Amino acid sequence: MIRRDIAAAEIEQALLGPSEVIEDYPLDKYSPSCLVLGYTDSGRALHVQCTYPESGVVKIVTVYEPDPSRWTDMRTRRRE
């Protein structure tokens, strides 16, 4: 988060505001997880990979700003 200049408040905004699961990883190594596309209050798109909530707790695996050269409409991976 520090290297990518993403604040904790931005992650909260991206997850609690209008967001959508764009990829599902049910067989992820440590715990089933998913990739969520959400937006901050300022309109910044973020991808947040998080685990499914167990006991109401969501764990953040990674977060980044999607690179438009790798994503179509921030939702679909571009084919290489």
N, C-alpha and C. Protein backbone atom coordinates (compact mmCIF):
# COMPACT_ATOMS: atom_id res chain seq x y z
N MET A 1 0.81 -1.18 0.00
CA MET A 1 0.00 0.00 0.00
C MET A 1 0.86 1.25 0.00
N ILE A 2 1.92 1.22 0.77
CA ILE A 2 2.78 2.39 0.86
C ILE A 2 3.47 2.64 -0.47
N ARG A 3 4.03 1.60 -1.07
CA ARG A 3 4.71 1.76 -2.37
C ARG A 3 3.74 2.20 -3.46
N ARG A 4 2.51 1.78 -3.37
CA ARG A 4 1.52 2.10 -4.40
C ARG A 4 0.71 3.35 -4.05
N ASP A 5 1.04 3.98 -2.93
CA ASP A 5 0.38 5.21 -2.49
C ASP A 5 -1.13 5.04 -2.39
N ILE A 6 -1.52 3.97 -1.68
CA ILE A 6 -2.94 3.69 -1.46
C ILE A 6 -3.20 3.74 0.05
N ALA A 7 -4.10 4.60 0.45
CA ALA A 7 -4.42 4.76 1.87
C ALA A 7 -5.47 3.74 2.30
N ALA A 8 -5.44 3.38 3.58
CA ALA A 8 -6.42 2.44 4.13
C ALA A 8 -7.84 2.96 3.91
N ALA A 9 -8.04 4.26 4.04
CA ALA A 9 -9.37 4.83 3.83
C ALA A 9 -9.86 4.60 2.40
N GLU A 10 -8.94 4.61 1.43
CA GLU A 10 -9.32 4.37 0.03
C GLU A 10 -9.78 2.93 -0.16
N ILE A 11 -9.15 2.00 0.52
CA ILE A 11 -9.56 0.60 0.43
C ILE A 11 -10.96 0.44 1.00
N GLU A 12 -11.20 1.06 2.13
CA GLU A 12 -12.54 1.02 2.72
C GLU A 12 -13.58 1.59 1.76
N GLN A 13 -13.27 2.73 1.16
CA GLN A 13 -14.20 3.34 0.21
C GLN A 13 -14.47 2.40 -0.97
N ALA A 14 -13.42 1.77 -1.48
CA ALA A 14 -13.56 0.89 -2.64
C ALA A 14 -14.41 -0.34 -2.30
N LEU A 15 -14.28 -0.86 -1.10
CA LEU A 15 -15.03 -2.06 -0.73
C LEU A 15 -16.45 -1.76 -0.24
N LEU A 16 -16.62 -0.62 0.41
CA LEU A 16 -17.93 -0.32 0.99
C LEU A 16 -18.85 0.44 0.03
N GLY A 17 -18.27 1.06 -0.98
CA GLY A 17 -19.09 1.75 -1.98
C GLY A 17 -19.52 0.77 -3.06
N PRO A 18 -20.04 1.29 -4.16
CA PRO A 18 -20.40 0.40 -5.26
C PRO A 18 -19.17 -0.38 -5.73
N SER A 19 -19.26 -1.67 -5.66
CA SER A 19 -18.12 -2.53 -6.05
C SER A 19 -18.67 -3.82 -6.63
N GLU A 20 -17.78 -4.57 -7.28
CA GLU A 20 -18.21 -5.84 -7.86
C GLU A 20 -17.05 -6.84 -7.86
N VAL A 21 -17.39 -8.10 -7.68
CA VAL A 21 -16.40 -9.17 -7.77
C VAL A 21 -16.18 -9.42 -9.26
N ILE A 22 -14.92 -9.29 -9.70
CA ILE A 22 -14.63 -9.48 -11.12
C ILE A 22 -13.89 -10.79 -11.40
N GLU A 23 -13.28 -11.36 -10.39
CA GLU A 23 -12.64 -12.67 -10.53
C GLU A 23 -12.82 -13.42 -9.22
N ASP A 24 -12.93 -14.74 -9.32
CA ASP A 24 -13.14 -15.59 -8.16
C ASP A 24 -12.02 -16.61 -8.11
N TYR A 25 -11.42 -16.78 -6.94
CA TYR A 25 -10.33 -17.74 -6.77
C TYR A 25 -10.68 -18.74 -5.66
N PRO A 26 -11.61 -19.66 -5.90
CA PRO A 26 -12.04 -20.58 -4.84
C PRO A 26 -10.95 -21.54 -4.39
N LEU A 27 -9.95 -21.77 -5.23
CA LEU A 27 -8.88 -22.72 -4.88
C LEU A 27 -7.57 -22.01 -4.54
N ASP A 28 -7.65 -20.76 -4.13
CA ASP A 28 -6.45 -20.00 -3.78
C ASP A 28 -5.66 -20.75 -2.71
N LYS A 29 -4.35 -20.57 -2.72
CA LYS A 29 -3.43 -21.36 -1.90
C LYS A 29 -3.80 -21.42 -0.41
N TYR A 30 -4.06 -20.29 0.20
CA TYR A 30 -4.29 -20.27 1.64
C TYR A 30 -5.76 -20.22 2.04
N SER A 31 -6.56 -19.58 1.21
CA SER A 31 -7.98 -19.43 1.53
C SER A 31 -8.70 -18.95 0.27
N PRO A 32 -9.93 -19.38 0.04
CA PRO A 32 -10.66 -18.88 -1.11
C PRO A 32 -10.71 -17.35 -1.08
N SER A 33 -10.53 -16.74 -2.25
CA SER A 33 -10.52 -15.28 -2.31
C SER A 33 -11.16 -14.83 -3.62
N CYS A 34 -11.25 -13.52 -3.75
CA CYS A 34 -11.82 -12.94 -4.96
C CYS A 34 -11.17 -11.59 -5.22
N LEU A 35 -11.31 -11.13 -6.45
CA LEU A 35 -10.79 -9.81 -6.84
C LEU A 35 -11.99 -8.89 -7.00
N VAL A 36 -11.95 -7.79 -6.26
CA VAL A 36 -13.04 -6.83 -6.25
C VAL A 36 -12.60 -5.55 -6.94
N LEU A 37 -13.44 -5.03 -7.80
CA LEU A 37 -13.23 -3.71 -8.39
C LEU A 37 -14.11 -2.73 -7.65
N GLY A 38 -13.48 -1.70 -7.10
CA GLY A 38 -14.23 -0.66 -6.40
C GLY A 38 -13.60 0.69 -6.69
N TYR A 39 -14.27 1.73 -6.28
CA TYR A 39 -13.82 3.09 -6.54
C TYR A 39 -13.77 3.89 -5.26
N THR A 40 -12.78 4.75 -5.16
CA THR A 40 -12.67 5.65 -4.01
C THR A 40 -13.65 6.80 -4.19
N ASP A 41 -13.80 7.60 -3.17
CA ASP A 41 -14.69 8.76 -3.26
C ASP A 41 -14.24 9.73 -4.35
N SER A 42 -12.95 9.72 -4.66
CA SER A 42 -12.44 10.61 -5.70
C SER A 42 -12.52 9.98 -7.09
N GLY A 43 -13.02 8.74 -7.18
CA GLY A 43 -13.18 8.06 -8.47
C GLY A 43 -12.01 7.20 -8.89
N ARG A 44 -11.04 7.02 -8.02
CA ARG A 44 -9.88 6.18 -8.32
C ARG A 44 -10.30 4.71 -8.31
N ALA A 45 -10.03 3.98 -9.39
CA ALA A 45 -10.34 2.55 -9.46
C ALA A 45 -9.29 1.76 -8.69
N LEU A 46 -9.74 0.81 -7.89
CA LEU A 46 -8.83 -0.07 -7.16
C LEU A 46 -9.28 -1.51 -7.34
N HIS A 47 -8.30 -2.39 -7.46
CA HIS A 47 -8.54 -3.83 -7.39
C HIS A 47 -8.09 -4.27 -6.00
N VAL A 48 -8.98 -4.95 -5.30
CA VAL A 48 -8.68 -5.44 -3.97
C VAL A 48 -8.90 -6.94 -3.97
N GLN A 49 -7.83 -7.69 -3.74
CA GLN A 49 -7.98 -9.14 -3.59
C GLN A 49 -8.17 -9.41 -2.12
N CYS A 50 -9.26 -10.07 -1.79
CA CYS A 50 -9.54 -10.35 -0.39
C CYS A 50 -10.13 -11.74 -0.23
N THR A 51 -10.01 -12.26 0.99
CA THR A 51 -10.57 -13.57 1.28
C THR A 51 -12.07 -13.44 1.49
N TYR A 52 -12.75 -14.56 1.35
CA TYR A 52 -14.16 -14.59 1.69
C TYR A 52 -14.28 -14.35 3.18
N PRO A 53 -15.31 -13.64 3.60
CA PRO A 53 -15.43 -13.37 5.03
C PRO A 53 -15.69 -14.64 5.83
N GLU A 54 -14.82 -14.89 6.76
CA GLU A 54 -15.01 -15.98 7.71
C GLU A 54 -15.29 -15.32 9.05
N SER A 55 -16.38 -15.65 9.66
CA SER A 55 -16.77 -15.02 10.93
C SER A 55 -16.90 -13.51 10.78
N GLY A 56 -17.25 -13.05 9.59
CA GLY A 56 -17.44 -11.62 9.38
C GLY A 56 -16.16 -10.83 9.17
N VAL A 57 -15.02 -11.53 9.05
CA VAL A 57 -13.74 -10.84 8.89
C VAL A 57 -13.22 -11.07 7.47
N VAL A 58 -12.99 -9.97 6.75
CA VAL A 58 -12.41 -10.03 5.41
C VAL A 58 -10.93 -9.70 5.54
N LYS A 59 -10.08 -10.53 4.94
CA LYS A 59 -8.64 -10.27 4.97
C LYS A 59 -8.21 -9.77 3.60
N ILE A 60 -7.46 -8.67 3.58
CA ILE A 60 -6.95 -8.11 2.34
C ILE A 60 -5.66 -8.83 1.97
N VAL A 61 -5.61 -9.37 0.76
CA VAL A 61 -4.41 -10.05 0.27
C VAL A 61 -3.50 -9.04 -0.42
N THR A 62 -4.06 -8.28 -1.34
CA THR A 62 -3.30 -7.25 -2.04
C THR A 62 -4.26 -6.21 -2.59
N VAL A 63 -3.73 -5.05 -2.89
CA VAL A 63 -4.53 -3.98 -3.47
C VAL A 63 -3.65 -3.19 -4.44
N TYR A 64 -4.23 -2.81 -5.56
CA TYR A 64 -3.47 -2.04 -6.55
C TYR A 64 -4.42 -1.28 -7.45
N GLU A 65 -3.88 -0.29 -8.13
CA GLU A 65 -4.63 0.46 -9.13
C GLU A 65 -4.45 -0.27 -10.46
N PRO A 66 -5.54 -0.72 -11.10
CA PRO A 66 -5.39 -1.50 -12.32
C PRO A 66 -4.74 -0.70 -13.45
N ASP A 67 -3.84 -1.36 -14.16
CA ASP A 67 -3.13 -0.76 -15.29
C ASP A 67 -4.02 -0.89 -16.53
N PRO A 68 -4.45 0.23 -17.12
CA PRO A 68 -5.35 0.17 -18.29
C PRO A 68 -4.77 -0.62 -19.46
N SER A 69 -3.45 -0.75 -19.54
CA SER A 69 -2.86 -1.53 -20.62
C SER A 69 -3.05 -3.04 -20.40
N ARG A 70 -3.43 -3.43 -19.17
CA ARG A 70 -3.62 -4.84 -18.85
C ARG A 70 -5.08 -5.21 -18.61
N TRP A 71 -5.95 -4.18 -18.52
CA TRP A 71 -7.36 -4.42 -18.21
C TRP A 71 -8.26 -3.67 -19.17
N THR A 72 -9.32 -4.33 -19.62
CA THR A 72 -10.34 -3.70 -20.43
C THR A 72 -11.45 -3.24 -19.48
N ASP A 73 -11.78 -1.97 -19.51
CA ASP A 73 -12.85 -1.45 -18.66
C ASP A 73 -12.62 -1.77 -17.19
N MET A 74 -11.38 -1.95 -16.81
CA MET A 74 -10.96 -2.28 -15.43
C MET A 74 -11.53 -3.60 -14.92
N ARG A 75 -12.26 -4.34 -15.79
CA ARG A 75 -12.94 -5.57 -15.35
C ARG A 75 -12.41 -6.85 -15.98
N THR A 76 -11.89 -6.75 -17.18
CA THR A 76 -11.49 -7.94 -17.93
C THR A 76 -10.02 -7.84 -18.31
N ARG A 77 -9.29 -8.92 -18.04
CA ARG A 77 -7.87 -8.94 -18.40
C ARG A 77 -7.73 -8.92 -19.90
N ARG A 78 -6.80 -8.13 -20.39
CA ARG A 78 -6.51 -8.12 -21.83
C ARG A 78 -5.70 -9.37 -22.16
N ARG A 79 -5.97 -9.93 -23.29
CA ARG A 79 -5.19 -11.09 -23.75
C ARG A 79 -3.87 -10.60 -24.31
N GLU A 80 -2.82 -11.33 -23.99
CA GLU A 80 -1.48 -10.92 -24.46
C GLU A 80 -1.12 -11.59 -25.74
